[in-house]
PDB file of all heavy atoms in Angstrom:
ATOM      1  N   LEU A   1       0.730  -1.193  -0.017  1.00  0.00           N
ATOM      2  CA  LEU A   1       0.099   0.027   0.015  1.00  0.00           C
ATOM      3  C   LEU A   1       0.878   1.248  -0.007  1.00  0.00           C
ATOM      4  O   LEU A   1       0.586   2.285  -0.612  1.00  0.00           O
ATOM      5  CB  LEU A   1      -0.919  -0.048   1.152  1.00  0.00           C
ATOM      6  CG  LEU A   1      -1.983   1.036   1.430  1.00  0.00           C
ATOM      7  CD1 LEU A   1      -2.979   0.933   0.105  1.00  0.00           C
ATOM      8  CD2 LEU A   1      -2.867   1.024   2.545  1.00  0.00           C
ATOM      9  N   ALA A   2       1.977   1.147   0.600  1.00  0.00           N
ATOM     10  CA  ALA A   2       2.911   2.216   0.627  1.00  0.00           C
ATOM     11  C   ALA A   2       3.624   2.591  -0.601  1.00  0.00           C
ATOM     12  O   ALA A   2       4.196   3.677  -0.833  1.00  0.00           O
ATOM     13  CB  ALA A   2       3.848   2.210   1.908  1.00  0.00           C
ATOM     14  N   THR A   3       3.757   1.480  -1.474  1.00  0.00           N
ATOM     15  CA  THR A   3       4.752   1.654  -2.513  1.00  0.00           C
ATOM     16  C   THR A   3       4.116   1.420  -3.863  1.00  0.00           C
ATOM     17  O   THR A   3       4.315   2.191  -4.754  1.00  0.00           O
ATOM     18  CB  THR A   3       5.821   0.538  -2.428  1.00  0.00           C
ATOM     19  OG1 THR A   3       5.153  -0.737  -2.187  1.00  0.00           O
ATOM     20  CG2 THR A   3       6.714   0.784  -1.215  1.00  0.00           C
ATOM     21  N   ALA A   4       3.306   0.399  -3.983  1.00  0.00           N
ATOM     22  CA  ALA A   4       2.769   0.024  -5.423  1.00  0.00           C
ATOM     23  C   ALA A   4       1.831   1.112  -5.973  1.00  0.00           C
ATOM     24  O   ALA A   4       2.074   1.482  -7.178  1.00  0.00           O
ATOM     25  CB  ALA A   4       2.041  -1.344  -5.478  1.00  0.00           C
ATOM     26  N   PRO A   5       0.784   1.555  -5.311  1.00  0.00           N
ATOM     27  CA  PRO A   5      -0.124   2.667  -5.983  1.00  0.00           C
ATOM     28  C   PRO A   5       0.584   3.821  -6.570  1.00  0.00           C
ATOM     29  O   PRO A   5       0.292   4.361  -7.651  1.00  0.00           O
ATOM     30  CB  PRO A   5      -1.216   2.944  -4.976  1.00  0.00           C
ATOM     31  CG  PRO A   5      -1.090   1.691  -3.983  1.00  0.00           C
ATOM     32  CD  PRO A   5       0.192   1.285  -4.072  1.00  0.00           C
ATOM     33  N   ILE A   6       1.472   4.324  -5.654  1.00  0.00           N
ATOM     34  CA  ILE A   6       1.994   5.623  -6.036  1.00  0.00           C
ATOM     35  C   ILE A   6       3.061   5.422  -7.162  1.00  0.00           C
ATOM     36  O   ILE A   6       3.138   6.186  -8.122  1.00  0.00           O
ATOM     37  CB  ILE A   6       2.844   6.285  -4.893  1.00  0.00           C
ATOM     38  CG1 ILE A   6       3.391   7.627  -5.299  1.00  0.00           C
ATOM     39  CG2 ILE A   6       3.934   5.424  -4.321  1.00  0.00           C
ATOM     40  CD1 ILE A   6       2.525   8.651  -5.685  1.00  0.00           C
ATOM     41  N   TYR A   7       3.675   4.188  -7.253  1.00  0.00           N
ATOM     42  CA  TYR A   7       4.573   3.880  -8.356  1.00  0.00           C
ATOM     43  C   TYR A   7       3.777   3.904  -9.620  1.00  0.00           C
ATOM     44  O   TYR A   7       4.145   4.324 -10.570  1.00  0.00           O
ATOM     45  CB  TYR A   7       5.214   2.596  -8.048  1.00  0.00           C
ATOM     46  CG  TYR A   7       5.767   1.844  -9.387  1.00  0.00           C
ATOM     47  CD1 TYR A   7       6.892   2.438 -10.059  1.00  0.00           C
ATOM     48  CD2 TYR A   7       5.207   0.783  -9.765  1.00  0.00           C
ATOM     49  CE1 TYR A   7       7.274   1.824 -11.306  1.00  0.00           C
ATOM     50  CE2 TYR A   7       5.546   0.227 -11.052  1.00  0.00           C
ATOM     51  CZ  TYR A   7       6.619   0.671 -11.691  1.00  0.00           C
ATOM     52  OH  TYR A   7       7.109   0.085 -12.903  1.00  0.00           O
ATOM     53  N   ILE A   8       2.682   3.068  -9.681  1.00  0.00           N
ATOM     54  CA  ILE A   8       1.844   2.859 -10.919  1.00  0.00           C
ATOM     55  C   ILE A   8       1.319   4.251 -11.264  1.00  0.00           C
ATOM     56  O   ILE A   8       1.261   4.385 -12.425  1.00  0.00           O
ATOM     57  CB  ILE A   8       0.846   1.857 -10.507  1.00  0.00           C
ATOM     58  CG1 ILE A   8       1.392   0.467 -10.291  1.00  0.00           C
ATOM     59  CG2 ILE A   8      -0.187   1.760 -11.810  1.00  0.00           C
ATOM     60  CD1 ILE A   8       0.404  -0.672  -9.894  1.00  0.00           C
ATOM     61  N   PHE A   9       0.771   5.055 -10.368  1.00  0.00           N
ATOM     62  CA  PHE A   9       0.306   6.303 -10.734  1.00  0.00           C
ATOM     63  C   PHE A   9       1.367   7.336 -11.373  1.00  0.00           C
ATOM     64  O   PHE A   9       1.125   7.848 -12.386  1.00  0.00           O
ATOM     65  CB  PHE A   9      -0.421   6.993  -9.462  1.00  0.00           C
ATOM     66  CG  PHE A   9      -0.824   8.396  -9.792  1.00  0.00           C
ATOM     67  CD1 PHE A   9      -1.914   8.626 -10.486  1.00  0.00           C
ATOM     68  CD2 PHE A   9      -0.044   9.473  -9.242  1.00  0.00           C
ATOM     69  CE1 PHE A   9      -2.346   9.999 -10.812  1.00  0.00           C
ATOM     70  CE2 PHE A   9      -0.502  10.846  -9.443  1.00  0.00           C
ATOM     71  CZ  PHE A   9      -1.712  11.071 -10.268  1.00  0.00           C
ATOM     72  N   VAL A  10       2.391   7.492 -10.758  1.00  0.00           N
ATOM     73  CA  VAL A  10       3.426   8.246 -11.247  1.00  0.00           C
ATOM     74  C   VAL A  10       3.957   7.807 -12.553  1.00  0.00           C
ATOM     75  O   VAL A  10       4.061   8.656 -13.444  1.00  0.00           O
ATOM     76  CB  VAL A  10       4.598   8.447 -10.200  1.00  0.00           C
ATOM     77  CG1 VAL A  10       5.808   9.153 -10.778  1.00  0.00           C
ATOM     78  CG2 VAL A  10       4.121   9.246  -9.012  1.00  0.00           C
ATOM     79  N   ASP A  11       4.189   6.566 -12.628  1.00  0.00           N
ATOM     80  CA  ASP A  11       4.876   6.037 -13.870  1.00  0.00           C
ATOM     81  C   ASP A  11       3.870   6.008 -15.068  1.00  0.00           C
ATOM     82  O   ASP A  11       4.254   6.030 -16.182  1.00  0.00           O
ATOM     83  CB  ASP A  11       5.413   4.663 -13.564  1.00  0.00           C
ATOM     84  CG  ASP A  11       6.978   4.667 -13.766  1.00  0.00           C
ATOM     85  OD1 ASP A  11       7.469   5.609 -13.506  1.00  0.00           O
ATOM     86  OD2 ASP A  11       7.488   3.626 -14.171  1.00  0.00           O
ATOM     87  N   SER A  12       2.685   5.999 -14.699  1.00  0.00           N
ATOM     88  CA  SER A  12       1.630   5.994 -15.788  1.00  0.00           C
ATOM     89  C   SER A  12       1.589   7.306 -16.593  1.00  0.00           C
ATOM     90  O   SER A  12       1.236   7.306 -17.720  1.00  0.00           O
ATOM     91  CB  SER A  12       0.220   5.504 -15.330  1.00  0.00           C
ATOM     92  OG  SER A  12      -0.319   6.750 -14.596  1.00  0.00           O
ATOM     93  N   LEU A  13       2.020   8.334 -15.931  1.00  0.00           N
ATOM     94  CA  LEU A  13       2.035   9.714 -16.504  1.00  0.00           C
ATOM     95  C   LEU A  13       3.231   9.881 -17.309  1.00  0.00           C
ATOM     96  O   LEU A  13       3.422  10.905 -18.056  1.00  0.00           O
ATOM     97  CB  LEU A  13       1.967  10.688 -15.396  1.00  0.00           C
ATOM     98  CG  LEU A  13       0.622  10.615 -14.689  1.00  0.00           C
ATOM     99  CD1 LEU A  13       0.634  11.760 -13.525  1.00  0.00           C
ATOM    100  CD2 LEU A  13      -0.692  10.818 -15.624  1.00  0.00           C
ATOM    101  N   SER A  14       4.336   8.919 -17.261  1.00  0.00           N
ATOM    102  CA  SER A  14       5.569   9.115 -17.997  1.00  0.00           C
ATOM    103  C   SER A  14       5.766   7.938 -18.784  1.00  0.00           C
ATOM    104  O   SER A  14       7.071   7.563 -18.956  1.00  0.00           O
ATOM    105  CB  SER A  14       6.693   9.460 -16.988  1.00  0.00           C
ATOM    106  OG  SER A  14       6.747   8.427 -16.093  1.00  0.00           O
ATOM    107  N   GLY A  15       4.894   7.309 -19.307  1.00  0.00           N
ATOM    108  CA  GLY A  15       5.132   6.206 -20.158  1.00  0.00           C
ATOM    109  C   GLY A  15       5.369   4.797 -19.514  1.00  0.00           C
ATOM    110  O   GLY A  15       5.624   3.850 -20.155  1.00  0.00           O
ATOM    111  N   GLY A  16       5.222   4.636 -18.264  1.00  0.00           N
ATOM    112  CA  GLY A  16       5.547   3.470 -17.543  1.00  0.00           C
ATOM    113  C   GLY A  16       4.693   2.323 -18.001  1.00  0.00           C
ATOM    114  O   GLY A  16       5.319   1.127 -18.033  1.00  0.00           O
ATOM    115  N   LEU A  17       3.392   2.462 -18.295  1.00  0.00           N
ATOM    116  CA  LEU A  17       2.567   1.446 -18.725  1.00  0.00           C
ATOM    117  C   LEU A  17       2.604   1.176 -20.226  1.00  0.00           C
ATOM    118  O   LEU A  17       1.903   0.310 -20.697  1.00  0.00           O
ATOM    119  CB  LEU A  17       1.124   1.502 -18.178  1.00  0.00           C
ATOM    120  CG  LEU A  17       0.960   1.582 -16.636  1.00  0.00           C
ATOM    121  CD1 LEU A  17      -0.411   1.789 -16.335  1.00  0.00           C
ATOM    122  CD2 LEU A  17       1.520   0.297 -16.089  1.00  0.00           C
ATOM    123  N   ALA A  18       3.570   1.909 -20.954  1.00  0.00           N
ATOM    124  CA  ALA A  18       3.762   1.748 -22.339  1.00  0.00           C
ATOM    125  C   ALA A  18       5.155   1.124 -22.550  1.00  0.00           C
ATOM    126  O   ALA A  18       5.665   1.271 -23.794  1.00  0.00           O
ATOM    127  CB  ALA A  18       3.397   2.947 -23.115  1.00  0.00           C
ATOM    128  N   TYR A  19       5.821   0.669 -21.605  1.00  0.00           N
ATOM    129  CA  TYR A  19       7.311   0.393 -21.607  1.00  0.00           C
ATOM    130  C   TYR A  19       7.362  -1.116 -21.032  1.00  0.00           C
ATOM    131  O   TYR A  19       7.138  -1.245 -19.815  1.00  0.00           O
ATOM    132  CB  TYR A  19       8.001   1.389 -20.950  1.00  0.00           C
ATOM    133  CG  TYR A  19       9.539   1.188 -20.874  1.00  0.00           C
ATOM    134  CD1 TYR A  19      10.222   0.925 -22.226  1.00  0.00           C
ATOM    135  CD2 TYR A  19      10.292   1.387 -19.722  1.00  0.00           C
ATOM    136  CE1 TYR A  19      11.568   0.751 -22.210  1.00  0.00           C
ATOM    137  CE2 TYR A  19      11.705   1.290 -19.788  1.00  0.00           C
ATOM    138  CZ  TYR A  19      12.238   1.027 -21.030  1.00  0.00           C
ATOM    139  OH  TYR A  19      13.682   0.872 -21.002  1.00  0.00           O
ATOM    140  N   ALA A  20       7.765  -2.056 -21.883  1.00  0.00           N
ATOM    141  CA  ALA A  20       7.784  -3.487 -21.336  1.00  0.00           C
ATOM    142  C   ALA A  20       8.492  -3.659 -20.006  1.00  0.00           C
ATOM    143  O   ALA A  20       7.892  -4.429 -19.281  1.00  0.00           O
ATOM    144  CB  ALA A  20       8.424  -4.392 -22.399  1.00  0.00           C
ATOM    145  N   PRO A  21       9.650  -3.203 -19.780  1.00  0.00           N
ATOM    146  CA  PRO A  21      10.370  -3.452 -18.381  1.00  0.00           C
ATOM    147  C   PRO A  21       9.452  -3.072 -17.266  1.00  0.00           C
ATOM    148  O   PRO A  21       9.416  -3.742 -16.232  1.00  0.00           O
ATOM    149  CB  PRO A  21      11.686  -2.654 -18.512  1.00  0.00           C
ATOM    150  CG  PRO A  21      11.930  -2.582 -20.057  1.00  0.00           C
ATOM    151  CD  PRO A  21      10.567  -2.353 -20.664  1.00  0.00           C
ATOM    152  N   LYS A  22       8.859  -1.867 -17.492  1.00  0.00           N
ATOM    153  CA  LYS A  22       8.037  -1.414 -16.355  1.00  0.00           C
ATOM    154  C   LYS A  22       6.740  -2.174 -16.265  1.00  0.00           C
ATOM    155  O   LYS A  22       6.236  -2.415 -15.027  1.00  0.00           O
ATOM    156  CB  LYS A  22       7.677   0.047 -16.497  1.00  0.00           C
ATOM    157  CG  LYS A  22       9.006   0.936 -16.346  1.00  0.00           C
ATOM    158  CD  LYS A  22       8.541   2.472 -16.374  1.00  0.00           C
ATOM    159  CE  LYS A  22       9.816   3.251 -16.258  1.00  0.00           C
ATOM    160  NZ  LYS A  22       9.644   4.690 -15.977  1.00  0.00           N
ATOM    161  N   THR A  23       6.118  -2.655 -17.352  1.00  0.00           N
ATOM    162  CA  THR A  23       4.934  -3.498 -17.148  1.00  0.00           C
ATOM    163  C   THR A  23       5.340  -4.891 -16.655  1.00  0.00           C
ATOM    164  O   THR A  23       4.502  -5.512 -15.989  1.00  0.00           O
ATOM    165  CB  THR A  23       4.145  -3.527 -18.485  1.00  0.00           C
ATOM    166  OG1 THR A  23       4.905  -4.222 -19.546  1.00  0.00           O
ATOM    167  CG2 THR A  23       3.677  -2.224 -18.940  1.00  0.00           C
ATOM    168  N   ALA A  24       6.466  -5.321 -16.936  1.00  0.00           N
ATOM    169  CA  ALA A  24       6.925  -6.600 -16.351  1.00  0.00           C
ATOM    170  C   ALA A  24       6.945  -6.534 -14.850  1.00  0.00           C
ATOM    171  O   ALA A  24       6.541  -7.332 -14.204  1.00  0.00           O
ATOM    172  CB  ALA A  24       8.260  -6.998 -16.970  1.00  0.00           C
ATOM    173  N   PHE A  25       7.573  -5.366 -14.440  1.00  0.00           N
ATOM    174  CA  PHE A  25       7.702  -5.067 -12.906  1.00  0.00           C
ATOM    175  C   PHE A  25       6.232  -4.890 -12.361  1.00  0.00           C
ATOM    176  O   PHE A  25       5.931  -5.279 -11.195  1.00  0.00           O
ATOM    177  CB  PHE A  25       8.528  -3.943 -12.642  1.00  0.00           C
ATOM    178  CG  PHE A  25       8.750  -3.613 -11.126  1.00  0.00           C
ATOM    179  CD1 PHE A  25       9.417  -4.595 -10.363  1.00  0.00           C
ATOM    180  CD2 PHE A  25       8.415  -2.524 -10.494  1.00  0.00           C
ATOM    181  CE1 PHE A  25       9.586  -4.419  -8.946  1.00  0.00           C
ATOM    182  CE2 PHE A  25       8.556  -2.261  -9.196  1.00  0.00           C
ATOM    183  CZ  PHE A  25       9.213  -3.211  -8.426  1.00  0.00           C
ATOM    184  N   THR A  26       5.387  -4.340 -13.072  1.00  0.00           N
ATOM    185  CA  THR A  26       4.010  -4.040 -12.574  1.00  0.00           C
ATOM    186  C   THR A  26       3.345  -5.347 -12.445  1.00  0.00           C
ATOM    187  O   THR A  26       2.584  -5.545 -11.469  1.00  0.00           O
ATOM    188  CB  THR A  26       3.228  -3.090 -13.656  1.00  0.00           C
ATOM    189  OG1 THR A  26       4.003  -1.907 -13.719  1.00  0.00           O
ATOM    190  CG2 THR A  26       1.838  -2.886 -12.996  1.00  0.00           C
ATOM    191  N   GLY A  27       3.575  -6.372 -13.378  1.00  0.00           N
ATOM    192  CA  GLY A  27       2.929  -7.556 -13.374  1.00  0.00           C
ATOM    193  C   GLY A  27       3.428  -8.351 -12.073  1.00  0.00           C
ATOM    194  O   GLY A  27       2.652  -9.001 -11.404  1.00  0.00           O
ATOM    195  N   PHE A  28       4.818  -8.276 -11.712  1.00  0.00           N
ATOM    196  CA  PHE A  28       5.395  -8.786 -10.422  1.00  0.00           C
ATOM    197  C   PHE A  28       4.534  -8.164  -9.296  1.00  0.00           C
ATOM    198  O   PHE A  28       4.255  -9.046  -8.444  1.00  0.00           O
ATOM    199  CB  PHE A  28       6.833  -8.471 -10.504  1.00  0.00           C
ATOM    200  CG  PHE A  28       7.451  -8.779  -9.103  1.00  0.00           C
ATOM    201  CD1 PHE A  28       7.994  -9.940  -8.966  1.00  0.00           C
ATOM    202  CD2 PHE A  28       7.609  -7.786  -8.194  1.00  0.00           C
ATOM    203  CE1 PHE A  28       8.529 -10.297  -7.587  1.00  0.00           C
ATOM    204  CE2 PHE A  28       8.202  -8.038  -7.007  1.00  0.00           C
ATOM    205  CZ  PHE A  28       8.698  -9.182  -6.808  1.00  0.00           C
ATOM    206  N   LEU A  29       4.305  -6.930  -9.210  1.00  0.00           N
ATOM    207  CA  LEU A  29       3.648  -6.336  -8.111  1.00  0.00           C
ATOM    208  C   LEU A  29       2.165  -6.731  -7.996  1.00  0.00           C
ATOM    209  O   LEU A  29       1.710  -6.969  -6.796  1.00  0.00           O
ATOM    210  CB  LEU A  29       3.727  -4.773  -8.170  1.00  0.00           C
ATOM    211  CG  LEU A  29       5.173  -4.183  -8.108  1.00  0.00           C
ATOM    212  CD1 LEU A  29       5.004  -2.611  -8.442  1.00  0.00           C
ATOM    213  CD2 LEU A  29       5.816  -4.367  -6.709  1.00  0.00           C
ATOM    214  N   LEU A  30       1.545  -6.847  -9.083  1.00  0.00           N
ATOM    215  CA  LEU A  30       0.242  -7.281  -9.077  1.00  0.00           C
ATOM    216  C   LEU A  30       0.087  -8.638  -8.664  1.00  0.00           C
ATOM    217  O   LEU A  30      -0.926  -9.067  -7.976  1.00  0.00           O
ATOM    218  CB  LEU A  30      -0.587  -7.024 -10.453  1.00  0.00           C
ATOM    219  CG  LEU A  30      -0.726  -5.611 -10.868  1.00  0.00           C
ATOM    220  CD1 LEU A  30      -1.125  -5.570 -12.325  1.00  0.00           C
ATOM    221  CD2 LEU A  30      -1.738  -4.977 -10.001  1.00  0.00           C
ATOM    222  N   CYS A  31       0.966  -9.557  -9.001  1.00  0.00           N
ATOM    223  CA  CYS A  31       1.127 -10.941  -8.555  1.00  0.00           C
ATOM    224  C   CYS A  31       1.257 -11.074  -7.077  1.00  0.00           C
ATOM    225  O   CYS A  31       0.734 -11.753  -6.360  1.00  0.00           O
ATOM    226  CB  CYS A  31       2.205 -11.661  -9.280  1.00  0.00           C
ATOM    227  SG  CYS A  31       2.302 -13.463  -8.841  1.00  0.00           S
ATOM    228  N   TYR A  32       2.135 -10.163  -6.463  1.00  0.00           N
ATOM    229  CA  TYR A  32       2.284  -9.990  -5.021  1.00  0.00           C
ATOM    230  C   TYR A  32       1.002  -9.681  -4.271  1.00  0.00           C
ATOM    231  O   TYR A  32       0.589 -10.243  -3.350  1.00  0.00           O
ATOM    232  CB  TYR A  32       3.388  -8.853  -4.898  1.00  0.00           C
ATOM    233  CG  TYR A  32       4.032  -8.705  -3.589  1.00  0.00           C
ATOM    234  CD1 TYR A  32       5.207  -8.193  -3.484  1.00  0.00           C
ATOM    235  CD2 TYR A  32       3.468  -9.327  -2.425  1.00  0.00           C
ATOM    236  CE1 TYR A  32       6.043  -8.147  -2.303  1.00  0.00           C
ATOM    237  CE2 TYR A  32       4.165  -9.133  -1.204  1.00  0.00           C
ATOM    238  CZ  TYR A  32       5.412  -8.582  -1.197  1.00  0.00           C
ATOM    239  OH  TYR A  32       6.129  -8.516   0.034  1.00  0.00           O
ATOM    240  N   CYS A  33       0.304  -8.672  -4.973  1.00  0.00           N
ATOM    241  CA  CYS A  33      -1.012  -8.228  -4.373  1.00  0.00           C
ATOM    242  C   CYS A  33      -1.992  -9.364  -4.401  1.00  0.00           C
ATOM    243  O   CYS A  33      -2.721  -9.660  -3.419  1.00  0.00           O
ATOM    244  CB  CYS A  33      -1.565  -7.015  -5.225  1.00  0.00           C
ATOM    245  SG  CYS A  33      -0.632  -5.601  -4.918  1.00  0.00           S
ATOM    246  N   LEU A  34      -2.174 -10.148  -5.574  1.00  0.00           N
ATOM    247  CA  LEU A  34      -3.114 -11.130  -5.735  1.00  0.00           C
ATOM    248  C   LEU A  34      -2.888 -12.237  -4.784  1.00  0.00           C
ATOM    249  O   LEU A  34      -3.835 -12.862  -4.338  1.00  0.00           O
ATOM    250  CB  LEU A  34      -3.046 -11.688  -7.239  1.00  0.00           C
ATOM    251  CG  LEU A  34      -4.203 -12.406  -7.731  1.00  0.00           C
ATOM    252  CD1 LEU A  34      -5.521 -11.672  -7.903  1.00  0.00           C
ATOM    253  CD2 LEU A  34      -3.933 -12.959  -9.148  1.00  0.00           C
ATOM    254  N   SER A  35      -1.657 -12.566  -4.469  1.00  0.00           N
ATOM    255  CA  SER A  35      -1.414 -13.630  -3.532  1.00  0.00           C
ATOM    256  C   SER A  35      -2.035 -13.389  -2.238  1.00  0.00           C
ATOM    257  O   SER A  35      -2.424 -14.182  -1.523  1.00  0.00           O
ATOM    258  CB  SER A  35       0.113 -13.794  -3.360  1.00  0.00           C
ATOM    259  OG  SER A  35       0.752 -12.815  -2.608  1.00  0.00           O
ATOM    260  N   LEU A  36      -2.129 -12.067  -1.814  1.00  0.00           N
ATOM    261  CA  LEU A  36      -2.720 -11.779  -0.443  1.00  0.00           C
ATOM    262  C   LEU A  36      -4.143 -12.231  -0.446  1.00  0.00           C
ATOM    263  O   LEU A  36      -4.580 -12.755   0.565  1.00  0.00           O
ATOM    264  CB  LEU A  36      -2.568 -10.305  -0.120  1.00  0.00           C
ATOM    265  CG  LEU A  36      -1.149  -9.677  -0.117  1.00  0.00           C
ATOM    266  CD1 LEU A  36      -1.207  -8.118   0.144  1.00  0.00           C
ATOM    267  CD2 LEU A  36      -0.233 -10.432   1.024  1.00  0.00           C
ATOM    268  N   ILE A  37      -4.927 -11.939  -1.564  1.00  0.00           N
ATOM    269  CA  ILE A  37      -6.285 -12.244  -1.515  1.00  0.00           C
ATOM    270  C   ILE A  37      -6.397 -13.824  -1.439  1.00  0.00           C
ATOM    271  O   ILE A  37      -7.189 -14.380  -0.572  1.00  0.00           O
ATOM    272  CB  ILE A  37      -6.942 -11.871  -2.811  1.00  0.00           C
ATOM    273  CG1 ILE A  37      -6.876 -10.369  -3.031  1.00  0.00           C
ATOM    274  CG2 ILE A  37      -8.453 -12.341  -2.863  1.00  0.00           C
ATOM    275  CD1 ILE A  37      -7.349  -9.937  -4.330  1.00  0.00           C
ATOM    276  N   ARG A  38      -5.652 -14.632  -2.071  1.00  0.00           N
ATOM    277  CA  ARG A  38      -5.651 -16.090  -1.956  1.00  0.00           C
ATOM    278  C   ARG A  38      -5.145 -16.583  -0.627  1.00  0.00           C
ATOM    279  O   ARG A  38      -5.772 -17.423  -0.014  1.00  0.00           O
ATOM    280  CB  ARG A  38      -4.745 -16.606  -3.126  1.00  0.00           C
ATOM    281  CG  ARG A  38      -4.848 -18.080  -3.122  1.00  0.00           C
ATOM    282  CD  ARG A  38      -3.570 -18.852  -3.050  1.00  0.00           C
ATOM    283  NE  ARG A  38      -3.559 -20.188  -3.192  1.00  0.00           N
ATOM    284  CZ  ARG A  38      -2.657 -21.131  -2.912  1.00  0.00           C
ATOM    285  NH1 ARG A  38      -1.532 -20.613  -2.319  1.00  0.00           N
ATOM    286  NH2 ARG A  38      -2.816 -22.423  -3.025  1.00  0.00           N
ATOM    287  N   ASN A  39      -4.183 -15.910   0.009  1.00  0.00           N
ATOM    288  CA  ASN A  39      -3.600 -16.462   1.237  1.00  0.00           C
ATOM    289  C   ASN A  39      -4.356 -16.028   2.470  1.00  0.00           C
ATOM    290  O   ASN A  39      -4.256 -16.703   3.462  1.00  0.00           O
ATOM    291  CB  ASN A  39      -2.231 -16.106   1.391  1.00  0.00           C
ATOM    292  CG  ASN A  39      -1.130 -16.832   0.355  1.00  0.00           C
ATOM    293  OD1 ASN A  39      -1.502 -17.940   0.067  1.00  0.00           O
ATOM    294  ND2 ASN A  39      -0.235 -16.140  -0.143  1.00  0.00           N
ATOM    295  N   ALA A  40      -5.164 -15.032   2.306  1.00  0.00           N
ATOM    296  CA  ALA A  40      -6.035 -14.729   3.381  1.00  0.00           C
ATOM    297  C   ALA A  40      -7.021 -15.766   3.869  1.00  0.00           C
ATOM    298  O   ALA A  40      -7.333 -15.903   5.099  1.00  0.00           O
ATOM    299  CB  ALA A  40      -6.962 -13.505   2.889  1.00  0.00           C
TER     300      ALA A  40
END
């Protein structure tokens, strides 16, 4: 909560979600988040 949303928001305004290395890292973070729902 302290790291992922602000990263995605800031980077989306500077091409982050249009650049493969950054969307790869975003996929990693979303996987991290998704695991919390499952492991709850």
